[in-house]
Amino acid sequence: MGKKIGALVTDKFDKVLEGESIYDAIKKIAVNRETSIACVVDGENKLKGLLTPRNILETLEVRELGVVRGRFFAGPEILHLLTSKYAKDIMSAPVSVKVNDEIEQVINLMLDEGFYELPVVDEDVKVVGTINYFDIILSSLKELKD
């Protein structure tokens, strides 16, 4: 049985309501600078999706700069970004781990999904915190040294 992530979870995370305007969501994330992802939640704090740097930068690229790089048939995506109003409109699907998950599972999910930070949820899919690769590295320094 491997090490669990429970002790590595931090309660510092950006939380955005799914009905929050894109402007307010991005402003909150930029000002807080707590994490690299923001958890998009409903009124009960249940995880509904993620706002990643990619989501935000793509939205800014299209809406502020009028630029779309490297996508030939991106018409529907561009129109969607131009007409989106709320955080839920630009969020990615939810990816999360649970407090009792083992570190190996978390590392595999991070590598498979391309995340360096993940929300941690309870049994009701309510966000309780986040874990990032720095947390995992710091907990493993002793093993790496030996």
N, C-alpha and C. Protein backbone atom coordinates (compact mmCIF):
# COMPACT_ATOMS: atom_id res chain seq x y z
N MET A 1 0.84 -1.18 0.00
CA MET A 1 0.00 0.00 0.00
C MET A 1 0.88 1.24 0.00
N GLY A 2 0.64 2.17 -0.94
CA GLY A 2 1.46 3.36 -1.10
C GLY A 2 1.04 4.49 -0.18
N LYS A 3 1.81 5.57 -0.26
CA LYS A 3 1.52 6.75 0.55
C LYS A 3 0.30 7.48 0.01
N LYS A 4 -0.53 7.93 0.93
CA LYS A 4 -1.73 8.69 0.58
C LYS A 4 -1.38 10.18 0.48
N ILE A 5 -2.20 10.92 -0.25
CA ILE A 5 -1.91 12.33 -0.45
C ILE A 5 -2.48 13.24 0.63
N GLY A 6 -3.30 12.70 1.53
CA GLY A 6 -4.01 13.50 2.52
C GLY A 6 -3.19 14.58 3.20
N ALA A 7 -2.00 14.24 3.66
CA ALA A 7 -1.17 15.20 4.38
C ALA A 7 -0.56 16.26 3.46
N LEU A 8 -0.60 16.03 2.15
CA LEU A 8 0.01 16.96 1.20
C LEU A 8 -0.97 17.98 0.63
N VAL A 9 -2.23 17.82 0.94
CA VAL A 9 -3.26 18.68 0.38
C VAL A 9 -3.20 20.06 1.03
N THR A 10 -3.25 21.10 0.19
CA THR A 10 -3.30 22.46 0.70
C THR A 10 -4.70 23.01 0.49
N ASP A 11 -5.15 23.82 1.44
CA ASP A 11 -6.50 24.37 1.31
C ASP A 11 -6.51 25.70 0.56
N LYS A 12 -5.37 26.10 0.02
CA LYS A 12 -5.29 27.31 -0.79
C LYS A 12 -5.62 26.95 -2.25
N PHE A 13 -6.70 27.52 -2.73
CA PHE A 13 -7.07 27.30 -4.13
C PHE A 13 -8.01 28.40 -4.57
N ASP A 14 -8.02 28.64 -5.86
CA ASP A 14 -8.94 29.62 -6.43
C ASP A 14 -10.24 28.92 -6.76
N LYS A 15 -11.33 29.52 -6.29
CA LYS A 15 -12.66 28.97 -6.53
C LYS A 15 -13.47 30.01 -7.30
N VAL A 16 -14.09 29.56 -8.37
CA VAL A 16 -14.90 30.42 -9.22
C VAL A 16 -16.27 29.77 -9.36
N LEU A 17 -17.32 30.53 -9.18
CA LEU A 17 -18.66 29.99 -9.37
C LEU A 17 -18.94 29.83 -10.86
N GLU A 18 -19.63 28.76 -11.23
CA GLU A 18 -19.86 28.48 -12.64
C GLU A 18 -20.63 29.59 -13.35
N GLY A 19 -21.44 30.34 -12.63
CA GLY A 19 -22.20 31.44 -13.22
C GLY A 19 -21.52 32.79 -13.12
N GLU A 20 -20.29 32.80 -12.63
CA GLU A 20 -19.53 34.04 -12.51
C GLU A 20 -19.10 34.50 -13.91
N SER A 21 -19.10 35.80 -14.13
CA SER A 21 -18.70 36.30 -15.44
C SER A 21 -17.24 35.96 -15.72
N ILE A 22 -16.92 35.84 -16.98
CA ILE A 22 -15.54 35.55 -17.37
C ILE A 22 -14.61 36.63 -16.83
N TYR A 23 -15.03 37.89 -16.97
CA TYR A 23 -14.21 39.00 -16.48
C TYR A 23 -13.91 38.86 -14.99
N ASP A 24 -14.96 38.63 -14.17
CA ASP A 24 -14.77 38.51 -12.73
C ASP A 24 -13.92 37.29 -12.37
N ALA A 25 -14.12 36.19 -13.08
CA ALA A 25 -13.35 34.97 -12.81
C ALA A 25 -11.87 35.18 -13.10
N ILE A 26 -11.57 35.75 -14.25
CA ILE A 26 -10.16 35.96 -14.61
C ILE A 26 -9.52 36.99 -13.69
N LYS A 27 -10.25 38.03 -13.34
CA LYS A 27 -9.71 39.04 -12.42
C LYS A 27 -9.38 38.41 -11.07
N LYS A 28 -10.29 37.57 -10.56
CA LYS A 28 -10.06 36.91 -9.27
C LYS A 28 -8.80 36.04 -9.32
N ILE A 29 -8.66 35.27 -10.39
CA ILE A 29 -7.51 34.38 -10.53
C ILE A 29 -6.21 35.19 -10.61
N ALA A 30 -6.22 36.25 -11.41
CA ALA A 30 -5.02 37.06 -11.60
C ALA A 30 -4.60 37.76 -10.32
N VAL A 31 -5.57 38.24 -9.55
CA VAL A 31 -5.26 38.95 -8.31
C VAL A 31 -4.78 37.98 -7.23
N ASN A 32 -5.44 36.83 -7.09
CA ASN A 32 -5.10 35.88 -6.03
C ASN A 32 -3.75 35.21 -6.25
N ARG A 33 -3.49 34.78 -7.45
CA ARG A 33 -2.24 34.09 -7.79
C ARG A 33 -1.91 32.94 -6.83
N GLU A 34 -2.95 32.27 -6.34
CA GLU A 34 -2.75 31.16 -5.40
C GLU A 34 -2.31 29.88 -6.11
N THR A 35 -2.94 29.62 -7.24
CA THR A 35 -2.69 28.35 -7.92
C THR A 35 -2.69 28.58 -9.42
N SER A 36 -2.31 27.55 -10.16
CA SER A 36 -2.28 27.69 -11.62
C SER A 36 -3.60 27.31 -12.26
N ILE A 37 -4.48 26.67 -11.51
CA ILE A 37 -5.81 26.34 -12.01
C ILE A 37 -6.84 26.94 -11.06
N ALA A 38 -8.04 27.14 -11.56
CA ALA A 38 -9.14 27.57 -10.69
C ALA A 38 -10.22 26.50 -10.76
N CYS A 39 -10.79 26.19 -9.62
CA CYS A 39 -11.86 25.21 -9.54
C CYS A 39 -13.18 25.92 -9.80
N VAL A 40 -13.90 25.46 -10.82
CA VAL A 40 -15.21 26.01 -11.11
C VAL A 40 -16.22 25.14 -10.36
N VAL A 41 -16.99 25.78 -9.48
CA VAL A 41 -17.90 25.04 -8.61
C VAL A 41 -19.33 25.57 -8.74
N ASP A 42 -20.27 24.75 -8.28
CA ASP A 42 -21.66 25.20 -8.21
C ASP A 42 -21.90 25.82 -6.84
N GLY A 43 -23.14 26.13 -6.53
CA GLY A 43 -23.48 26.76 -5.25
C GLY A 43 -23.22 25.90 -4.04
N GLU A 44 -23.06 24.60 -4.23
CA GLU A 44 -22.78 23.68 -3.12
C GLU A 44 -21.30 23.33 -3.02
N ASN A 45 -20.44 24.05 -3.75
CA ASN A 45 -19.00 23.83 -3.76
C ASN A 45 -18.60 22.53 -4.46
N LYS A 46 -19.48 21.98 -5.29
CA LYS A 46 -19.15 20.76 -6.04
C LYS A 46 -18.41 21.14 -7.31
N LEU A 47 -17.35 20.40 -7.57
CA LEU A 47 -16.51 20.67 -8.73
C LEU A 47 -17.26 20.41 -10.03
N LYS A 48 -17.29 21.41 -10.89
CA LYS A 48 -17.97 21.29 -12.18
C LYS A 48 -16.98 21.35 -13.34
N GLY A 49 -15.80 21.93 -13.11
CA GLY A 49 -14.81 22.05 -14.17
C GLY A 49 -13.60 22.80 -13.67
N LEU A 50 -12.68 23.05 -14.60
CA LEU A 50 -11.44 23.76 -14.27
C LEU A 50 -11.23 24.92 -15.24
N LEU A 51 -10.70 25.99 -14.71
CA LEU A 51 -10.19 27.07 -15.56
C LEU A 51 -8.68 26.95 -15.50
N THR A 52 -8.11 26.59 -16.62
CA THR A 52 -6.67 26.40 -16.71
C THR A 52 -6.04 27.63 -17.37
N PRO A 53 -4.74 27.78 -17.25
CA PRO A 53 -4.09 28.87 -17.98
C PRO A 53 -4.40 28.81 -19.48
N ARG A 54 -4.49 27.62 -20.03
CA ARG A 54 -4.80 27.48 -21.46
C ARG A 54 -6.18 28.04 -21.79
N ASN A 55 -7.20 27.68 -20.97
CA ASN A 55 -8.55 28.21 -21.19
C ASN A 55 -8.55 29.73 -21.20
N ILE A 56 -7.88 30.29 -20.22
CA ILE A 56 -7.88 31.74 -20.06
C ILE A 56 -7.10 32.42 -21.18
N LEU A 57 -5.94 31.88 -21.51
CA LEU A 57 -5.13 32.50 -22.57
C LEU A 57 -5.81 32.39 -23.93
N GLU A 58 -6.46 31.27 -24.21
CA GLU A 58 -7.19 31.14 -25.48
C GLU A 58 -8.33 32.14 -25.56
N THR A 59 -9.03 32.32 -24.45
CA THR A 59 -10.12 33.29 -24.42
C THR A 59 -9.60 34.70 -24.64
N LEU A 60 -8.51 35.05 -23.95
CA LEU A 60 -7.92 36.38 -24.12
C LEU A 60 -7.38 36.57 -25.52
N GLU A 61 -6.78 35.53 -26.06
CA GLU A 61 -6.21 35.60 -27.40
C GLU A 61 -7.29 35.97 -28.42
N VAL A 62 -8.43 35.31 -28.34
CA VAL A 62 -9.51 35.54 -29.30
C VAL A 62 -10.22 36.86 -29.02
N ARG A 63 -10.56 37.10 -27.76
CA ARG A 63 -11.40 38.27 -27.44
C ARG A 63 -10.62 39.57 -27.41
N GLU A 64 -9.42 39.55 -26.91
CA GLU A 64 -8.67 40.80 -26.77
C GLU A 64 -7.78 41.08 -27.95
N LEU A 65 -7.18 40.05 -28.51
CA LEU A 65 -6.20 40.24 -29.58
C LEU A 65 -6.76 39.94 -30.96
N GLY A 66 -7.89 39.25 -31.00
CA GLY A 66 -8.48 38.89 -32.29
C GLY A 66 -7.62 37.93 -33.09
N VAL A 67 -6.85 37.12 -32.37
CA VAL A 67 -5.88 36.23 -32.99
C VAL A 67 -6.25 34.78 -32.70
N VAL A 68 -6.04 33.92 -33.66
CA VAL A 68 -6.17 32.48 -33.46
C VAL A 68 -4.96 31.85 -34.13
N ARG A 69 -4.11 31.24 -33.34
CA ARG A 69 -2.90 30.64 -33.87
C ARG A 69 -3.09 29.18 -34.22
N GLY A 70 -2.65 28.79 -35.39
CA GLY A 70 -2.50 27.40 -35.76
C GLY A 70 -3.74 26.54 -35.82
N ARG A 71 -4.92 27.12 -35.91
CA ARG A 71 -6.13 26.30 -35.99
C ARG A 71 -6.88 26.67 -37.27
N PHE A 72 -6.86 25.77 -38.22
CA PHE A 72 -7.46 26.06 -39.52
C PHE A 72 -8.99 26.03 -39.48
N PHE A 73 -9.55 24.97 -38.90
CA PHE A 73 -11.01 24.84 -38.85
C PHE A 73 -11.51 25.10 -37.43
N ALA A 74 -11.23 26.26 -36.90
CA ALA A 74 -11.59 26.58 -35.53
C ALA A 74 -12.80 27.50 -35.43
N GLY A 75 -13.54 27.66 -36.52
CA GLY A 75 -14.68 28.58 -36.54
C GLY A 75 -15.64 28.43 -35.39
N PRO A 76 -16.19 27.23 -35.13
CA PRO A 76 -17.12 27.07 -34.01
C PRO A 76 -16.49 27.39 -32.65
N GLU A 77 -15.22 27.01 -32.47
CA GLU A 77 -14.53 27.30 -31.22
C GLU A 77 -14.38 28.81 -31.02
N ILE A 78 -14.01 29.49 -32.08
CA ILE A 78 -13.82 30.94 -32.01
C ILE A 78 -15.14 31.64 -31.69
N LEU A 79 -16.19 31.23 -32.38
CA LEU A 79 -17.50 31.82 -32.13
C LEU A 79 -17.93 31.57 -30.69
N HIS A 80 -17.67 30.37 -30.20
CA HIS A 80 -18.01 30.04 -28.81
C HIS A 80 -17.26 30.97 -27.84
N LEU A 81 -15.96 31.16 -28.06
CA LEU A 81 -15.17 32.03 -27.18
C LEU A 81 -15.62 33.48 -27.27
N LEU A 82 -16.02 33.91 -28.44
CA LEU A 82 -16.47 35.29 -28.62
C LEU A 82 -17.81 35.56 -27.94
N THR A 83 -18.66 34.54 -27.87
CA THR A 83 -20.00 34.74 -27.32
C THR A 83 -20.15 34.25 -25.88
N SER A 84 -19.12 33.67 -25.32
CA SER A 84 -19.18 33.15 -23.95
C SER A 84 -19.29 34.30 -22.96
N LYS A 85 -20.04 34.05 -21.89
CA LYS A 85 -20.22 35.07 -20.87
C LYS A 85 -19.78 34.63 -19.47
N TYR A 86 -19.84 33.33 -19.23
CA TYR A 86 -19.63 32.83 -17.87
C TYR A 86 -18.45 31.86 -17.80
N ALA A 87 -17.94 31.68 -16.59
CA ALA A 87 -16.83 30.76 -16.38
C ALA A 87 -17.15 29.37 -16.92
N LYS A 88 -18.39 28.91 -16.72
CA LYS A 88 -18.77 27.57 -17.18
C LYS A 88 -18.67 27.44 -18.69
N ASP A 89 -18.72 28.55 -19.41
CA ASP A 89 -18.66 28.51 -20.88
C ASP A 89 -17.26 28.21 -21.41
N ILE A 90 -16.24 28.54 -20.63
CA ILE A 90 -14.86 28.36 -21.13
C ILE A 90 -14.07 27.33 -20.34
N MET A 91 -14.69 26.73 -19.33
CA MET A 91 -13.97 25.79 -18.46
C MET A 91 -13.70 24.47 -19.18
N SER A 92 -12.71 23.76 -18.66
CA SER A 92 -12.41 22.39 -19.09
C SER A 92 -13.21 21.42 -18.22
N ALA A 93 -13.29 20.19 -18.66
CA ALA A 93 -13.95 19.15 -17.86
C ALA A 93 -13.24 18.98 -16.53
N PRO A 94 -13.96 18.57 -15.50
CA PRO A 94 -13.32 18.40 -14.20
C PRO A 94 -12.37 17.20 -14.17
N VAL A 95 -11.22 17.41 -13.60
CA VAL A 95 -10.25 16.35 -13.33
C VAL A 95 -9.86 16.56 -11.88
N SER A 96 -9.94 15.51 -11.07
CA SER A 96 -9.66 15.67 -9.65
C SER A 96 -9.16 14.37 -9.04
N VAL A 97 -8.70 14.49 -7.81
CA VAL A 97 -8.29 13.34 -7.01
C VAL A 97 -8.99 13.43 -5.66
N LYS A 98 -8.89 12.34 -4.90
CA LYS A 98 -9.51 12.30 -3.57
C LYS A 98 -8.43 12.21 -2.50
N VAL A 99 -8.76 12.64 -1.31
CA VAL A 99 -7.80 12.70 -0.21
C VAL A 99 -7.14 11.35 0.05
N ASN A 100 -7.85 10.26 -0.13
CA ASN A 100 -7.30 8.93 0.15
C ASN A 100 -6.60 8.29 -1.03
N ASP A 101 -6.46 9.02 -2.14
CA ASP A 101 -5.73 8.48 -3.29
C ASP A 101 -4.25 8.37 -2.95
N GLU A 102 -3.60 7.42 -3.59
CA GLU A 102 -2.17 7.24 -3.37
C GLU A 102 -1.37 8.18 -4.28
N ILE A 103 -0.20 8.54 -3.83
CA ILE A 103 0.66 9.46 -4.57
C ILE A 103 0.91 8.95 -5.99
N GLU A 104 1.12 7.66 -6.14
CA GLU A 104 1.36 7.09 -7.46
C GLU A 104 0.19 7.35 -8.41
N GLN A 105 -1.04 7.21 -7.90
CA GLN A 105 -2.22 7.48 -8.72
C GLN A 105 -2.25 8.95 -9.16
N VAL A 106 -1.91 9.84 -8.25
CA VAL A 106 -1.94 11.27 -8.54
C VAL A 106 -0.88 11.61 -9.59
N ILE A 107 0.32 11.06 -9.42
CA ILE A 107 1.39 11.30 -10.40
C ILE A 107 0.96 10.80 -11.78
N ASN A 108 0.39 9.61 -11.84
CA ASN A 108 -0.06 9.07 -13.12
C ASN A 108 -1.13 9.95 -13.77
N LEU A 109 -2.07 10.42 -12.97
CA LEU A 109 -3.12 11.28 -13.51
C LEU A 109 -2.53 12.61 -14.01
N MET A 110 -1.61 13.18 -13.24
CA MET A 110 -0.96 14.42 -13.66
C MET A 110 -0.24 14.23 -14.99
N LEU A 111 0.49 13.15 -15.10
CA LEU A 111 1.23 12.89 -16.34
C LEU A 111 0.30 12.59 -17.51
N ASP A 112 -0.74 11.79 -17.26
CA ASP A 112 -1.68 11.44 -18.32
C ASP A 112 -2.47 12.65 -18.82
N GLU A 113 -2.87 13.54 -17.92
CA GLU A 113 -3.73 14.66 -18.27
C GLU A 113 -2.96 15.96 -18.52
N GLY A 114 -1.66 15.97 -18.21
CA GLY A 114 -0.87 17.17 -18.45
C GLY A 114 -1.06 18.26 -17.42
N PHE A 115 -1.43 17.90 -16.20
CA PHE A 115 -1.60 18.88 -15.12
C PHE A 115 -0.45 18.77 -14.13
N TYR A 116 -0.08 19.90 -13.54
CA TYR A 116 0.92 19.91 -12.48
C TYR A 116 0.27 20.23 -11.14
N GLU A 117 -1.03 20.40 -11.18
CA GLU A 117 -1.81 20.71 -10.00
C GLU A 117 -3.22 20.16 -10.24
N LEU A 118 -3.81 19.59 -9.18
CA LEU A 118 -5.15 19.02 -9.31
C LEU A 118 -5.99 19.38 -8.10
N PRO A 119 -7.29 19.57 -8.31
CA PRO A 119 -8.18 19.75 -7.16
C PRO A 119 -8.33 18.43 -6.40
N VAL A 120 -8.52 18.56 -5.12
CA VAL A 120 -8.79 17.41 -4.26
C VAL A 120 -10.24 17.55 -3.79
N VAL A 121 -11.01 16.49 -3.98
CA VAL A 121 -12.44 16.53 -3.63
C VAL A 121 -12.76 15.45 -2.59
N ASP A 122 -13.88 15.67 -1.89
CA ASP A 122 -14.35 14.66 -0.95
C ASP A 122 -15.30 13.71 -1.67
N GLU A 123 -15.97 12.87 -0.93
CA GLU A 123 -16.86 11.87 -1.51
C GLU A 123 -18.05 12.49 -2.25
N ASP A 124 -18.41 13.72 -1.88
CA ASP A 124 -19.54 14.41 -2.53
C ASP A 124 -19.07 15.30 -3.68
N VAL A 125 -17.81 15.17 -4.08
CA VAL A 125 -17.18 15.94 -5.15
C VAL A 125 -17.10 17.43 -4.79
N LYS A 126 -17.05 17.73 -3.50
CA LYS A 126 -16.85 19.10 -3.04
C LYS A 126 -15.34 19.33 -2.91
N VAL A 127 -14.90 20.48 -3.37
CA VAL A 127 -13.48 20.80 -3.36
C VAL A 127 -13.02 21.07 -1.93
N VAL A 128 -11.95 20.36 -1.52
CA VAL A 128 -11.37 20.57 -0.19
C VAL A 128 -9.98 21.18 -0.26
N GLY A 129 -9.39 21.20 -1.45
CA GLY A 129 -8.05 21.76 -1.59
C GLY A 129 -7.44 21.37 -2.91
N THR A 130 -6.12 21.52 -2.98
CA THR A 130 -5.39 21.13 -4.18
C THR A 130 -4.11 20.42 -3.79
N ILE A 131 -3.54 19.74 -4.76
CA ILE A 131 -2.21 19.16 -4.61
C ILE A 131 -1.45 19.48 -5.89
N ASN A 132 -0.18 19.85 -5.72
CA ASN A 132 0.62 20.12 -6.92
C ASN A 132 1.90 19.32 -6.87
N TYR A 133 2.62 19.36 -7.97
CA TYR A 133 3.80 18.51 -8.04
C TYR A 133 4.88 18.93 -7.07
N PHE A 134 4.91 20.20 -6.66
CA PHE A 134 5.88 20.62 -5.64
C PHE A 134 5.60 19.91 -4.32
N ASP A 135 4.31 19.77 -3.97
CA ASP A 135 3.94 19.05 -2.74
C ASP A 135 4.47 17.62 -2.78
N ILE A 136 4.32 16.98 -3.93
CA ILE A 136 4.76 15.59 -4.08
C ILE A 136 6.29 15.51 -4.04
N ILE A 137 6.96 16.41 -4.73
CA ILE A 137 8.42 16.41 -4.74
C ILE A 137 8.96 16.60 -3.33
N LEU A 138 8.43 17.60 -2.62
CA LEU A 138 8.93 17.87 -1.27
C LEU A 138 8.73 16.67 -0.35
N SER A 139 7.62 15.95 -0.51
CA SER A 139 7.38 14.79 0.33
C SER A 139 8.29 13.62 -0.03
N SER A 140 8.88 13.67 -1.21
CA SER A 140 9.71 12.56 -1.70
C SER A 140 11.20 12.87 -1.67
N LEU A 141 11.60 14.02 -1.18
CA LEU A 141 13.01 14.39 -1.22
C LEU A 141 13.90 13.39 -0.49
N LYS A 142 13.44 12.85 0.63
CA LYS A 142 14.25 11.89 1.38
C LYS A 142 14.54 10.66 0.52
N GLU A 143 13.50 10.14 -0.16
CA GLU A 143 13.70 8.96 -1.00
C GLU A 143 14.59 9.27 -2.18
N LEU A 144 14.48 10.49 -2.72
CA LEU A 144 15.31 10.87 -3.87
C LEU A 144 16.78 10.98 -3.47
N LYS A 145 17.04 11.40 -2.24
CA LYS A 145 18.41 11.58 -1.76
C LYS A 145 19.11 10.25 -1.54
N ASP A 146 18.36 9.26 -1.05
CA ASP A 146 18.96 7.95 -0.73
C ASP A 146 19.30 7.14 -1.95
